[in-house]
């Protein structure tokens, strides 16, 4: 009888141990399922973040390209302006003394044009007359490449 009780005890303890082990596996499985759900959510969030970063990067590259084009146009306009001032060894100071009113009018008009160039470069929209200017008399000579898109130098 002692042998039977011992054998029954071993079987019961094995069954209890197996049951406890199965319950532990079920708890672990539930925890792992929760972790998988969290991980899938995190992966989806990361994919969205990566897509947004790609879009932002493309927008930054586009904006950078536009800024570089604007800078190149402004450099070209500055070179053209420099050529106009240094044409035929001009002495602006001497001209200003000899022809005060004419030089004052020219400088004031040039200042107004340069101010408009700065406004446009800073994001101010073009007026209809600036957009449609095609003749040399209609354009802003200080920065025609950004202020008069339809103007083609001849």
C-alpha atoms as a PDB file:
ATOM      1  CA  UNK A   1       0.000   0.000   0.000  1.00  0.00           C
ATOM      2  CA  UNK A   2       2.904   2.366   0.671  1.00  0.00           C
ATOM      3  CA  UNK A   3       4.114   1.809  -2.842  1.00  0.00           C
ATOM      4  CA  UNK A   4       0.738   2.730  -4.278  1.00  0.00           C
ATOM      5  CA  UNK A   5       0.492   5.894  -2.206  1.00  0.00           C
ATOM      6  CA  UNK A   6       4.020   6.835  -3.263  1.00  0.00           C
ATOM      7  CA  UNK A   7       3.190   6.187  -6.945  1.00  0.00           C
ATOM      8  CA  UNK A   8      -0.118   8.119  -6.674  1.00  0.00           C
ATOM      9  CA  UNK A   9       1.777  10.983  -4.975  1.00  0.00           C
ATOM     10  CA  UNK A  10       4.303  11.071  -7.806  1.00  0.00           C
ATOM     11  CA  UNK A  11       1.514  11.055 -10.430  1.00  0.00           C
ATOM     12  CA  UNK A  12      -0.433  13.800  -8.587  1.00  0.00           C
ATOM     13  CA  UNK A  13       2.664  15.958  -8.116  1.00  0.00           C
ATOM     14  CA  UNK A  14       3.548  15.429 -11.800  1.00  0.00           C
ATOM     15  CA  UNK A  15       0.039  16.455 -12.828  1.00  0.00           C
ATOM     16  CA  UNK A  16       0.100  19.470 -10.510  1.00  0.00           C
ATOM     17  CA  UNK A  17       3.553  20.443 -11.797  1.00  0.00           C
ATOM     18  CA  UNK A  18       2.453  20.036 -15.410  1.00  0.00           C
ATOM     19  CA  UNK A  19      -0.687  22.103 -14.728  1.00  0.00           C
ATOM     20  CA  UNK A  20       1.363  24.831 -13.056  1.00  0.00           C
ATOM     21  CA  UNK A  21       3.807  24.777 -15.982  1.00  0.00           C
ATOM     22  CA  UNK A  22       0.960  25.060 -18.517  1.00  0.00           C
ATOM     23  CA  UNK A  23      -0.536  27.972 -16.568  1.00  0.00           C
ATOM     24  CA  UNK A  24       2.887  29.670 -16.515  1.00  0.00           C
ATOM     25  CA  UNK A  25       3.196  29.134 -20.278  1.00  0.00           C
ATOM     26  CA  UNK A  26      -0.254  30.658 -20.775  1.00  0.00           C
ATOM     27  CA  UNK A  27       0.737  33.742 -18.732  1.00  0.00           C
ATOM     28  CA  UNK A  28       3.997  34.042 -20.672  1.00  0.00           C
ATOM     29  CA  UNK A  29       2.082  33.648 -23.939  1.00  0.00           C
ATOM     30  CA  UNK A  30      -0.331  36.447 -22.938  1.00  0.00           C
ATOM     31  CA  UNK A  31       2.613  38.721 -22.043  1.00  0.00           C
ATOM     32  CA  UNK A  32       4.336  37.916 -25.338  1.00  0.00           C
ATOM     33  CA  UNK A  33       1.125  38.632 -27.306  1.00  0.00           C
ATOM     34  CA  UNK A  34       0.889  42.023 -25.574  1.00  0.00           C
ATOM     35  CA  UNK A  35       4.541  42.705 -26.431  1.00  0.00           C
ATOM     36  CA  UNK A  36       3.932  41.762 -30.080  1.00  0.00           C
ATOM     37  CA  UNK A  37       0.985  44.167 -30.273  1.00  0.00           C
ATOM     38  CA  UNK A  38       3.111  46.962 -28.750  1.00  0.00           C
ATOM     39  CA  UNK A  39       5.985  46.156 -31.107  1.00  0.00           C
ATOM     40  CA  UNK A  40       3.732  46.168 -34.181  1.00  0.00           C
ATOM     41  CA  UNK A  41       2.327  49.521 -33.090  1.00  0.00           C
ATOM     42  CA  UNK A  42       5.841  50.896 -32.578  1.00  0.00           C
ATOM     43  CA  UNK A  43       6.896  49.602 -36.015  1.00  0.00           C
ATOM     44  CA  UNK A  44       3.889  51.270 -37.631  1.00  0.00           C
ATOM     45  CA  UNK A  45       4.726  54.533 -35.834  1.00  0.00           C
ATOM     46  CA  UNK A  46       8.346  54.265 -36.990  1.00  0.00           C
ATOM     47  CA  UNK A  47       7.237  53.685 -40.597  1.00  0.00           C
ATOM     48  CA  UNK A  48       5.018  56.778 -40.428  1.00  0.00           C
ATOM     49  CA  UNK A  49       7.873  58.781 -38.945  1.00  0.00           C
ATOM     50  CA  UNK A  50      10.259  57.624 -41.675  1.00  0.00           C
ATOM     51  CA  UNK A  51       7.734  58.537 -44.390  1.00  0.00           C
ATOM     52  CA  UNK A  52       7.237  61.979 -42.846  1.00  0.00           C
ATOM     53  CA  UNK A  53      11.002  62.475 -42.644  1.00  0.00           C
ATOM     54  CA  UNK A  54      11.348  61.502 -46.305  1.00  0.00           C
ATOM     55  CA  UNK A  55       8.666  64.049 -47.248  1.00  0.00           C
ATOM     56  CA  UNK A  56      10.299  66.722 -45.094  1.00  0.00           C
ATOM     57  CA  UNK A  57      13.697  65.943 -46.618  1.00  0.00           C
ATOM     58  CA  UNK A  58      12.274  66.238 -50.143  1.00  0.00           C
ATOM     59  CA  UNK A  59      10.656  69.574 -49.230  1.00  0.00           C
ATOM     60  CA  UNK A  60      13.939  70.805 -47.750  1.00  0.00           C
ATOM     61  CA  UNK A  61      15.820  69.805 -50.901  1.00  0.00           C
ATOM     62  CA  UNK A  62      13.233  71.591 -53.050  1.00  0.00           C
ATOM     63  CA  UNK A  63      13.402  74.728 -50.904  1.00  0.00           C
ATOM     64  CA  UNK A  64      17.200  74.578 -50.961  1.00  0.00           C
ATOM     65  CA  UNK A  65      17.142  74.317 -54.749  1.00  0.00           C
ATOM     66  CA  UNK A  66      14.860  77.359 -54.992  1.00  0.00           C
ATOM     67  CA  UNK A  67      17.077  79.336 -52.628  1.00  0.00           C
ATOM     68  CA  UNK A  68      20.164  78.424 -54.646  1.00  0.00           C
ATOM     69  CA  UNK A  69      18.446  79.530 -57.858  1.00  0.00           C
ATOM     70  CA  UNK A  70      17.482  82.804 -56.202  1.00  0.00           C
ATOM     71  CA  UNK A  71      21.034  83.333 -54.951  1.00  0.00           C
ATOM     72  CA  UNK A  72      22.460  82.636 -58.401  1.00  0.00           C
ATOM     73  CA  UNK A  73      20.004  85.093 -59.973  1.00  0.00           C
ATOM     74  CA  UNK A  74      20.875  87.727 -57.381  1.00  0.00           C
ATOM     75  CA  UNK A  75      24.611  87.192 -58.005  1.00  0.00           C
ATOM     76  CA  UNK A  76      24.019  87.636 -61.735  1.00  0.00           C
ATOM     77  CA  UNK A  77      22.040  90.809 -61.111  1.00  0.00           C
ATOM     78  CA  UNK A  78      24.767  92.105 -58.787  1.00  0.00           C
ATOM     79  CA  UNK A  79      27.413  91.442 -61.435  1.00  0.00           C
ATOM     80  CA  UNK A  80      25.299  93.291 -64.011  1.00  0.00           C
ATOM     81  CA  UNK A  81      24.860  96.197 -61.607  1.00  0.00           C
ATOM     82  CA  UNK A  82      28.592  96.269 -60.910  1.00  0.00           C
ATOM     83  CA  UNK A  83      29.294  96.404 -64.660  1.00  0.00           C
ATOM     84  CA  UNK A  84      26.922  99.356 -65.005  1.00  0.00           C
ATOM     85  CA  UNK A  85      28.652 101.320 -62.259  1.00  0.00           C
ATOM     86  CA  UNK A  86      32.178 100.607 -63.437  1.00  0.00           C
ATOM     87  CA  UNK A  87      31.412 101.228 -67.124  1.00  0.00           C
ATOM     88  CA  UNK A  88      33.990 103.476 -68.860  1.00  0.00           C
ATOM     89  CA  UNK A  89      35.745 104.468 -65.613  1.00  0.00           C
ATOM     90  CA  UNK A  90      32.782 106.423 -64.278  1.00  0.00           C
ATOM     91  CA  UNK A  91      33.354 108.664 -61.303  1.00  0.00           C
ATOM     92  CA  UNK A  92      29.995 108.811 -59.524  1.00  0.00           C
ATOM     93  CA  UNK A  93      31.246 111.478 -57.100  1.00  0.00           C
ATOM     94  CA  UNK A  94      32.300 113.823 -59.916  1.00  0.00           C
ATOM     95  CA  UNK A  95      29.022 113.201 -61.777  1.00  0.00           C
ATOM     96  CA  UNK A  96      27.073 113.925 -58.585  1.00  0.00           C
ATOM     97  CA  UNK A  97      28.753 117.315 -58.277  1.00  0.00           C
ATOM     98  CA  UNK A  98      28.331 118.196 -61.948  1.00  0.00           C
ATOM     99  CA  UNK A  99      24.755 116.930 -62.348  1.00  0.00           C
ATOM    100  CA  UNK A 100      23.257 116.838 -58.873  1.00  0.00           C
ATOM    101  CA  UNK A 101      19.566 116.665 -59.798  1.00  0.00           C
ATOM    102  CA  UNK A 102      20.021 113.982 -62.460  1.00  0.00           C
ATOM    103  CA  UNK A 103      22.202 111.782 -60.222  1.00  0.00           C
ATOM    104  CA  UNK A 104      19.808 112.276 -57.299  1.00  0.00           C
ATOM    105  CA  UNK A 105      16.860 111.143 -59.452  1.00  0.00           C
ATOM    106  CA  UNK A 106      18.825 108.136 -60.775  1.00  0.00           C
ATOM    107  CA  UNK A 107      19.995 107.089 -57.298  1.00  0.00           C
ATOM    108  CA  UNK A 108      16.521 107.498 -55.778  1.00  0.00           C
ATOM    109  CA  UNK A 109      14.956 105.409 -58.552  1.00  0.00           C
ATOM    110  CA  UNK A 110      17.702 102.800 -58.157  1.00  0.00           C
ATOM    111  CA  UNK A 111      17.135 102.729 -54.394  1.00  0.00           C
ATOM    112  CA  UNK A 112      13.405 102.206 -54.924  1.00  0.00           C
ATOM    113  CA  UNK A 113      14.134  99.395 -57.390  1.00  0.00           C
ATOM    114  CA  UNK A 114      16.660  97.783 -55.025  1.00  0.00           C
ATOM    115  CA  UNK A 115      14.172  97.989 -52.155  1.00  0.00           C
ATOM    116  CA  UNK A 116      11.594  96.206 -54.304  1.00  0.00           C
ATOM    117  CA  UNK A 117      14.198  93.532 -55.130  1.00  0.00           C
ATOM    118  CA  UNK A 118      14.749  92.922 -51.416  1.00  0.00           C
ATOM    119  CA  UNK A 119      10.982  92.704 -50.872  1.00  0.00           C
ATOM    120  CA  UNK A 120      10.644  90.126 -53.663  1.00  0.00           C
ATOM    121  CA  UNK A 121      13.629  88.120 -52.407  1.00  0.00           C
ATOM    122  CA  UNK A 122      12.024  88.131 -48.948  1.00  0.00           C
ATOM    123  CA  UNK A 123       8.828  86.567 -50.305  1.00  0.00           C
ATOM    124  CA  UNK A 124       6.649  89.476 -51.394  1.00  0.00           C
ATOM    125  CA  UNK A 125       4.415  88.477 -54.333  1.00  0.00           C
ATOM    126  CA  UNK A 126       4.997  90.003 -57.757  1.00  0.00           C
ATOM    127  CA  UNK A 127       2.570  92.629 -59.013  1.00  0.00           C
ATOM    128  CA  UNK A 128       0.750  92.110 -62.314  1.00  0.00           C
ATOM    129  CA  UNK A 129       2.895  94.754 -64.025  1.00  0.00           C
ATOM    130  CA  UNK A 130       6.060  92.978 -62.812  1.00  0.00           C
ATOM    131  CA  UNK A 131       4.786  89.611 -64.007  1.00  0.00           C
ATOM    132  CA  UNK A 132       3.833  90.943 -67.444  1.00  0.00           C
ATOM    133  CA  UNK A 133       6.834  93.218 -68.085  1.00  0.00           C
ATOM    134  CA  UNK A 134       8.625  92.260 -71.310  1.00  0.00           C
ATOM    135  CA  UNK A 135      10.184  95.555 -72.461  1.00  0.00           C
ATOM    136  CA  UNK A 136      13.333  97.067 -71.033  1.00  0.00           C
ATOM    137  CA  UNK A 137      11.417 100.226 -70.092  1.00  0.00           C
ATOM    138  CA  UNK A 138       8.929  98.196 -68.006  1.00  0.00           C
ATOM    139  CA  UNK A 139      11.316  96.085 -65.940  1.00  0.00           C
ATOM    140  CA  UNK A 140      13.114  96.567 -62.660  1.00  0.00           C
ATOM    141  CA  UNK A 141      16.717  96.865 -63.930  1.00  0.00           C
ATOM    142  CA  UNK A 142      18.230  96.090 -60.521  1.00  0.00           C
ATOM    143  CA  UNK A 143      16.978  92.479 -60.422  1.00  0.00           C
ATOM    144  CA  UNK A 144      15.128  91.537 -63.610  1.00  0.00           C
ATOM    145  CA  UNK A 145      15.670  87.809 -63.144  1.00  0.00           C
ATOM    146  CA  UNK A 146      13.508  87.682 -60.018  1.00  0.00           C
ATOM    147  CA  UNK A 147      11.214  90.670 -60.511  1.00  0.00           C
ATOM    148  CA  UNK A 148      10.281  90.198 -64.179  1.00  0.00           C
ATOM    149  CA  UNK A 149       9.998  86.496 -65.108  1.00  0.00           C
ATOM    150  CA  UNK A 150       8.747  87.144 -68.668  1.00  0.00           C
ATOM    151  CA  UNK A 151      11.536  89.579 -69.545  1.00  0.00           C
ATOM    152  CA  UNK A 152      14.162  88.248 -71.950  1.00  0.00           C
ATOM    153  CA  UNK A 153      17.233  90.487 -72.322  1.00  0.00           C
ATOM    154  CA  UNK A 154      17.904  91.464 -75.904  1.00  0.00           C
END
